[in-house]
N, C-alpha and C. Protein backbone atom coordinates (compact mmCIF):
# COMPACT_ATOMS: atom_id res chain seq x y z
N MET A 1 20.39 15.62 -16.33
CA MET A 1 19.32 14.77 -15.85
C MET A 1 19.86 13.34 -15.78
N TYR A 2 19.50 12.61 -14.71
CA TYR A 2 19.99 11.24 -14.53
C TYR A 2 18.80 10.32 -14.32
N SER A 3 18.75 9.25 -15.07
CA SER A 3 17.65 8.28 -14.99
C SER A 3 18.17 6.96 -14.46
N GLN A 4 17.49 6.38 -13.47
CA GLN A 4 17.89 5.09 -12.91
C GLN A 4 17.31 3.92 -13.69
N ASN A 5 16.33 4.16 -14.53
CA ASN A 5 15.67 3.08 -15.27
C ASN A 5 16.35 2.85 -16.61
N ILE A 6 16.07 1.67 -17.18
CA ILE A 6 16.53 1.43 -18.54
C ILE A 6 15.76 2.37 -19.45
N TYR A 7 16.46 3.17 -20.17
CA TYR A 7 15.87 4.19 -21.03
C TYR A 7 15.30 3.54 -22.29
N VAL A 8 14.17 4.05 -22.76
CA VAL A 8 13.59 3.62 -24.03
C VAL A 8 13.71 4.79 -25.01
N ILE A 9 14.31 4.53 -26.15
CA ILE A 9 14.51 5.55 -27.16
C ILE A 9 13.16 6.10 -27.61
N ARG A 10 13.10 7.42 -27.77
CA ARG A 10 11.84 8.06 -28.18
C ARG A 10 12.13 9.17 -29.18
N LYS A 11 11.06 9.74 -29.68
CA LYS A 11 11.17 10.81 -30.68
C LYS A 11 12.05 11.93 -30.13
N GLY A 12 12.97 12.40 -30.95
CA GLY A 12 13.86 13.48 -30.54
C GLY A 12 15.22 13.03 -30.05
N ASP A 13 15.42 11.73 -29.90
CA ASP A 13 16.73 11.22 -29.49
C ASP A 13 17.66 11.19 -30.70
N MET A 14 18.83 11.80 -30.55
CA MET A 14 19.77 11.88 -31.66
C MET A 14 20.94 10.90 -31.52
N VAL A 15 21.49 10.79 -30.31
CA VAL A 15 22.70 10.01 -30.08
C VAL A 15 22.59 9.25 -28.77
N ILE A 16 23.07 8.01 -28.79
CA ILE A 16 23.21 7.23 -27.56
C ILE A 16 24.66 6.79 -27.54
N ARG A 17 25.39 7.24 -26.53
CA ARG A 17 26.83 6.96 -26.49
C ARG A 17 27.28 6.60 -25.08
N PRO A 18 28.44 5.95 -24.98
CA PRO A 18 28.96 5.63 -23.65
C PRO A 18 29.28 6.91 -22.89
N ALA A 19 29.06 6.89 -21.59
CA ALA A 19 29.40 8.02 -20.73
C ALA A 19 30.63 7.65 -19.91
N PHE A 20 31.38 8.66 -19.51
CA PHE A 20 32.61 8.45 -18.74
C PHE A 20 32.59 9.35 -17.51
N ASP A 21 33.19 8.86 -16.42
CA ASP A 21 33.29 9.68 -15.21
C ASP A 21 34.55 10.55 -15.27
N ASP A 22 34.83 11.25 -14.18
CA ASP A 22 35.98 12.16 -14.14
C ASP A 22 37.32 11.44 -14.30
N ASP A 23 37.36 10.15 -13.96
CA ASP A 23 38.58 9.35 -14.10
C ASP A 23 38.65 8.63 -15.44
N ASP A 24 37.80 9.03 -16.37
CA ASP A 24 37.74 8.45 -17.71
C ASP A 24 37.36 6.97 -17.71
N GLN A 25 36.59 6.57 -16.70
CA GLN A 25 36.07 5.21 -16.62
C GLN A 25 34.63 5.21 -17.16
N ARG A 26 34.25 4.12 -17.83
CA ARG A 26 32.88 4.01 -18.34
C ARG A 26 31.89 4.12 -17.19
N ASN A 27 30.86 4.91 -17.46
CA ASN A 27 29.86 5.15 -16.42
C ASN A 27 28.48 5.18 -17.07
N GLY A 28 28.03 4.06 -17.60
CA GLY A 28 26.71 3.99 -18.22
C GLY A 28 26.70 4.62 -19.59
N SER A 29 25.62 5.37 -19.87
CA SER A 29 25.47 5.95 -21.19
C SER A 29 24.89 7.36 -21.10
N GLU A 30 25.00 8.06 -22.21
CA GLU A 30 24.45 9.41 -22.32
C GLU A 30 23.57 9.46 -23.56
N ILE A 31 22.38 10.00 -23.40
CA ILE A 31 21.45 10.18 -24.52
C ILE A 31 21.41 11.68 -24.81
N ILE A 32 21.66 12.04 -26.05
CA ILE A 32 21.60 13.45 -26.45
C ILE A 32 20.34 13.62 -27.29
N ARG A 33 19.51 14.57 -26.88
CA ARG A 33 18.23 14.80 -27.54
C ARG A 33 18.30 16.04 -28.44
N PHE A 34 17.34 16.13 -29.37
CA PHE A 34 17.27 17.24 -30.32
C PHE A 34 17.18 18.59 -29.61
N ASP A 35 16.49 18.63 -28.47
CA ASP A 35 16.34 19.89 -27.73
C ASP A 35 17.58 20.23 -26.90
N LYS A 36 18.66 19.50 -27.13
CA LYS A 36 19.97 19.70 -26.50
C LYS A 36 20.05 19.20 -25.05
N THR A 37 19.01 18.56 -24.55
CA THR A 37 19.12 17.97 -23.22
C THR A 37 19.98 16.72 -23.31
N ARG A 38 20.64 16.42 -22.21
CA ARG A 38 21.49 15.24 -22.11
C ARG A 38 21.01 14.42 -20.92
N ILE A 39 20.75 13.16 -21.18
CA ILE A 39 20.25 12.27 -20.14
C ILE A 39 21.32 11.24 -19.83
N GLN A 40 21.70 11.17 -18.57
CA GLN A 40 22.67 10.17 -18.12
C GLN A 40 21.90 8.94 -17.64
N ASN A 41 22.40 7.76 -18.00
CA ASN A 41 21.74 6.52 -17.62
C ASN A 41 22.80 5.52 -17.19
N PRO A 42 22.55 4.75 -16.12
CA PRO A 42 23.57 3.82 -15.63
C PRO A 42 23.76 2.58 -16.50
N PHE A 43 22.87 2.34 -17.46
CA PHE A 43 22.95 1.14 -18.28
C PHE A 43 23.81 1.36 -19.51
N LYS A 44 24.41 0.28 -20.01
CA LYS A 44 25.24 0.34 -21.21
C LYS A 44 24.39 0.67 -22.43
N VAL A 45 25.04 1.25 -23.42
CA VAL A 45 24.37 1.65 -24.66
C VAL A 45 23.63 0.47 -25.28
N GLN A 46 24.28 -0.67 -25.40
CA GLN A 46 23.66 -1.83 -26.05
C GLN A 46 22.41 -2.28 -25.30
N LYS A 47 22.41 -2.18 -23.98
CA LYS A 47 21.24 -2.56 -23.18
C LYS A 47 20.06 -1.64 -23.50
N ILE A 48 20.33 -0.37 -23.70
CA ILE A 48 19.27 0.59 -24.05
C ILE A 48 18.71 0.26 -25.43
N ILE A 49 19.57 -0.05 -26.39
CA ILE A 49 19.11 -0.42 -27.73
C ILE A 49 18.25 -1.68 -27.66
N GLU A 50 18.72 -2.69 -26.95
CA GLU A 50 17.98 -3.95 -26.84
C GLU A 50 16.63 -3.74 -26.16
N ARG A 51 16.60 -2.95 -25.10
CA ARG A 51 15.34 -2.68 -24.39
C ARG A 51 14.38 -1.89 -25.27
N SER A 52 14.88 -0.96 -26.03
CA SER A 52 14.04 -0.16 -26.91
C SER A 52 13.43 -1.02 -28.01
N CYS A 53 14.21 -1.94 -28.57
CA CYS A 53 13.68 -2.86 -29.59
C CYS A 53 12.52 -3.66 -29.01
N LYS A 54 12.71 -4.19 -27.81
CA LYS A 54 11.63 -4.98 -27.17
C LYS A 54 10.40 -4.12 -26.92
N PHE A 55 10.62 -2.89 -26.46
CA PHE A 55 9.51 -1.98 -26.18
C PHE A 55 8.66 -1.75 -27.43
N TYR A 56 9.33 -1.64 -28.58
CA TYR A 56 8.62 -1.39 -29.84
C TYR A 56 8.25 -2.65 -30.59
N GLY A 57 8.33 -3.81 -29.93
CA GLY A 57 7.70 -5.01 -30.48
C GLY A 57 8.56 -6.09 -31.07
N ASN A 58 9.89 -6.01 -30.92
CA ASN A 58 10.73 -7.07 -31.47
C ASN A 58 12.02 -7.12 -30.67
N THR A 59 12.79 -8.17 -30.84
CA THR A 59 14.09 -8.24 -30.19
C THR A 59 15.12 -7.52 -31.05
N TYR A 60 16.24 -7.21 -30.45
CA TYR A 60 17.34 -6.59 -31.20
C TYR A 60 17.80 -7.52 -32.33
N LEU A 61 17.96 -8.79 -32.02
CA LEU A 61 18.37 -9.75 -33.06
C LEU A 61 17.32 -9.85 -34.16
N GLY A 62 16.04 -9.73 -33.79
CA GLY A 62 14.97 -9.73 -34.79
C GLY A 62 15.06 -8.52 -35.70
N LYS A 63 15.36 -7.36 -35.11
CA LYS A 63 15.51 -6.13 -35.91
C LYS A 63 16.71 -6.23 -36.86
N LYS A 64 17.81 -6.80 -36.35
CA LYS A 64 18.99 -7.00 -37.21
C LYS A 64 18.66 -7.93 -38.37
N ALA A 65 17.93 -9.00 -38.08
CA ALA A 65 17.56 -9.96 -39.12
C ALA A 65 16.64 -9.31 -40.16
N GLU A 66 15.70 -8.47 -39.71
CA GLU A 66 14.80 -7.75 -40.64
C GLU A 66 15.61 -6.87 -41.58
N THR A 67 16.55 -6.12 -41.02
CA THR A 67 17.39 -5.24 -41.83
C THR A 67 18.18 -6.04 -42.85
N ASN A 68 18.74 -7.15 -42.42
CA ASN A 68 19.52 -7.99 -43.32
C ASN A 68 18.65 -8.55 -44.44
N ARG A 69 17.46 -8.98 -44.10
CA ARG A 69 16.55 -9.55 -45.10
C ARG A 69 16.13 -8.50 -46.13
N ILE A 70 15.85 -7.29 -45.68
CA ILE A 70 15.36 -6.24 -46.57
C ILE A 70 16.49 -5.60 -47.38
N THR A 71 17.62 -5.35 -46.74
CA THR A 71 18.69 -4.58 -47.38
C THR A 71 19.93 -5.38 -47.75
N GLY A 72 20.11 -6.52 -47.11
CA GLY A 72 21.33 -7.29 -47.33
C GLY A 72 22.50 -6.80 -46.48
N ILE A 73 22.27 -5.79 -45.64
CA ILE A 73 23.33 -5.27 -44.77
C ILE A 73 23.45 -6.18 -43.56
N SER A 74 24.64 -6.73 -43.36
CA SER A 74 24.83 -7.61 -42.21
C SER A 74 25.86 -7.07 -41.22
N SER A 75 26.71 -6.17 -41.67
CA SER A 75 27.72 -5.59 -40.79
C SER A 75 27.29 -4.20 -40.37
N LYS A 76 27.13 -4.01 -39.08
CA LYS A 76 26.69 -2.73 -38.51
C LYS A 76 25.40 -2.22 -39.17
N PRO A 77 24.35 -3.03 -39.16
CA PRO A 77 23.12 -2.62 -39.84
C PRO A 77 22.37 -1.52 -39.08
N PRO A 78 21.70 -0.64 -39.82
CA PRO A 78 20.81 0.32 -39.16
C PRO A 78 19.60 -0.41 -38.61
N ILE A 79 19.02 0.15 -37.56
CA ILE A 79 17.86 -0.47 -36.92
C ILE A 79 16.70 0.51 -36.95
N LEU A 80 15.55 0.08 -37.46
CA LEU A 80 14.32 0.87 -37.38
C LEU A 80 13.60 0.40 -36.13
N LEU A 81 13.54 1.27 -35.12
CA LEU A 81 12.88 0.88 -33.88
C LEU A 81 11.37 0.85 -34.03
N THR A 82 10.81 1.89 -34.64
CA THR A 82 9.37 1.95 -34.86
C THR A 82 9.09 2.84 -36.06
N PRO A 83 8.10 2.51 -36.87
CA PRO A 83 7.75 3.38 -38.00
C PRO A 83 6.89 4.57 -37.58
N LEU A 84 6.55 4.68 -36.29
CA LEU A 84 5.68 5.76 -35.81
C LEU A 84 6.35 7.13 -35.86
N PHE A 85 7.66 7.17 -35.71
CA PHE A 85 8.41 8.41 -35.80
C PHE A 85 9.84 8.06 -36.24
N PRO A 86 10.63 9.06 -36.68
CA PRO A 86 11.96 8.78 -37.25
C PRO A 86 12.91 8.16 -36.23
N THR A 87 13.13 6.87 -36.33
CA THR A 87 14.01 6.18 -35.39
C THR A 87 14.94 5.20 -36.08
N TYR A 88 15.55 5.61 -37.17
CA TYR A 88 16.57 4.77 -37.80
C TYR A 88 17.90 5.08 -37.12
N PHE A 89 18.38 4.14 -36.33
CA PHE A 89 19.67 4.31 -35.66
C PHE A 89 20.69 3.39 -36.30
N PHE A 90 21.90 3.89 -36.47
CA PHE A 90 22.96 3.02 -36.96
C PHE A 90 24.19 3.15 -36.06
N PRO A 91 24.94 2.06 -35.93
CA PRO A 91 26.09 2.04 -35.03
C PRO A 91 27.37 2.53 -35.70
N THR A 92 28.27 3.06 -34.88
CA THR A 92 29.57 3.47 -35.39
C THR A 92 30.58 2.33 -35.35
N HIS A 93 30.33 1.33 -34.53
CA HIS A 93 31.21 0.18 -34.37
C HIS A 93 30.35 -1.07 -34.30
N SER A 94 30.99 -2.19 -34.16
CA SER A 94 30.26 -3.44 -33.94
C SER A 94 29.45 -3.33 -32.65
N ASP A 95 28.29 -3.97 -32.61
CA ASP A 95 27.48 -3.94 -31.40
C ASP A 95 28.15 -4.66 -30.23
N ARG A 96 29.22 -5.37 -30.49
CA ARG A 96 29.96 -6.05 -29.43
C ARG A 96 31.04 -5.16 -28.81
N GLN A 97 31.27 -4.00 -29.38
CA GLN A 97 32.30 -3.09 -28.89
C GLN A 97 31.72 -2.09 -27.91
N ASN A 98 32.42 -1.89 -26.80
CA ASN A 98 31.94 -0.95 -25.77
C ASN A 98 31.94 0.50 -26.25
N GLU A 99 32.80 0.84 -27.21
CA GLU A 99 32.86 2.23 -27.68
C GLU A 99 31.80 2.56 -28.73
N ASN A 100 30.94 1.61 -29.03
CA ASN A 100 29.91 1.80 -30.04
C ASN A 100 28.97 2.95 -29.66
N ILE A 101 28.69 3.79 -30.63
CA ILE A 101 27.76 4.91 -30.49
C ILE A 101 26.65 4.68 -31.50
N TRP A 102 25.40 4.93 -31.11
CA TRP A 102 24.27 4.80 -32.04
C TRP A 102 23.79 6.19 -32.41
N LEU A 103 23.67 6.43 -33.72
CA LEU A 103 23.25 7.74 -34.25
C LEU A 103 21.91 7.61 -34.96
N ASN A 104 21.04 8.59 -34.73
CA ASN A 104 19.77 8.63 -35.44
C ASN A 104 20.01 9.32 -36.78
N MET A 105 19.82 8.58 -37.86
CA MET A 105 20.16 9.11 -39.19
C MET A 105 19.36 10.35 -39.57
N HIS A 106 18.22 10.58 -38.94
CA HIS A 106 17.39 11.73 -39.30
C HIS A 106 17.97 13.06 -38.81
N TYR A 107 19.00 12.99 -37.98
CA TYR A 107 19.63 14.21 -37.46
C TYR A 107 21.03 14.42 -38.03
N ILE A 108 21.41 13.66 -39.03
CA ILE A 108 22.73 13.81 -39.63
C ILE A 108 22.62 14.76 -40.81
N GLU A 109 23.43 15.81 -40.79
CA GLU A 109 23.39 16.81 -41.85
C GLU A 109 24.30 16.46 -43.01
N SER A 110 25.46 15.88 -42.72
CA SER A 110 26.39 15.52 -43.79
C SER A 110 27.29 14.38 -43.34
N ILE A 111 27.83 13.68 -44.32
CA ILE A 111 28.77 12.59 -44.06
C ILE A 111 30.04 12.90 -44.82
N LYS A 112 31.16 12.80 -44.14
CA LYS A 112 32.44 13.15 -44.73
C LYS A 112 33.33 11.92 -44.76
N GLU A 113 33.90 11.64 -45.91
CA GLU A 113 34.82 10.51 -46.04
C GLU A 113 36.15 10.85 -45.37
N LEU A 114 36.67 9.90 -44.61
CA LEU A 114 37.97 10.08 -43.98
C LEU A 114 39.06 9.53 -44.88
N LYS A 115 40.21 10.16 -44.88
CA LYS A 115 41.33 9.72 -45.71
C LYS A 115 42.17 8.64 -45.03
N ILE A 116 41.82 8.28 -43.82
CA ILE A 116 42.56 7.27 -43.06
C ILE A 116 42.31 5.90 -43.66
N VAL A 117 43.38 5.16 -43.91
CA VAL A 117 43.24 3.83 -44.50
C VAL A 117 42.92 2.80 -43.43
N ASN A 118 43.66 2.83 -42.33
CA ASN A 118 43.43 1.88 -41.24
C ASN A 118 42.52 2.51 -40.20
N VAL A 119 41.32 2.03 -40.13
CA VAL A 119 40.34 2.57 -39.19
C VAL A 119 40.04 1.51 -38.15
N LYS A 120 39.98 1.93 -36.90
CA LYS A 120 39.66 0.98 -35.83
C LYS A 120 38.17 0.76 -35.80
């Protein structure tokens, strides 16, 4: 499924990640839902996160500031989009990095520590 509009995160969304074309060039983003559907969107991942924050009543920077105030987390903070349904998303990289993927923590079954010392 392909959407031309800026996507707004909703219940059942598990992952928002960069999408790539056949030549391995960035081509918008892909949203993976709990029901296993995949939605292609022409907008960058960060744009979808920012638009979703606004849709649910605050700016992305406002959500980051809320998280920092409540938890003290300032580097790669999780974002609660809305308390209406499980929407705690956290980034895999800095929000300034194009390879950043946002994961909904409610769909994570386990976390495994990596033995790699130098991580990009």
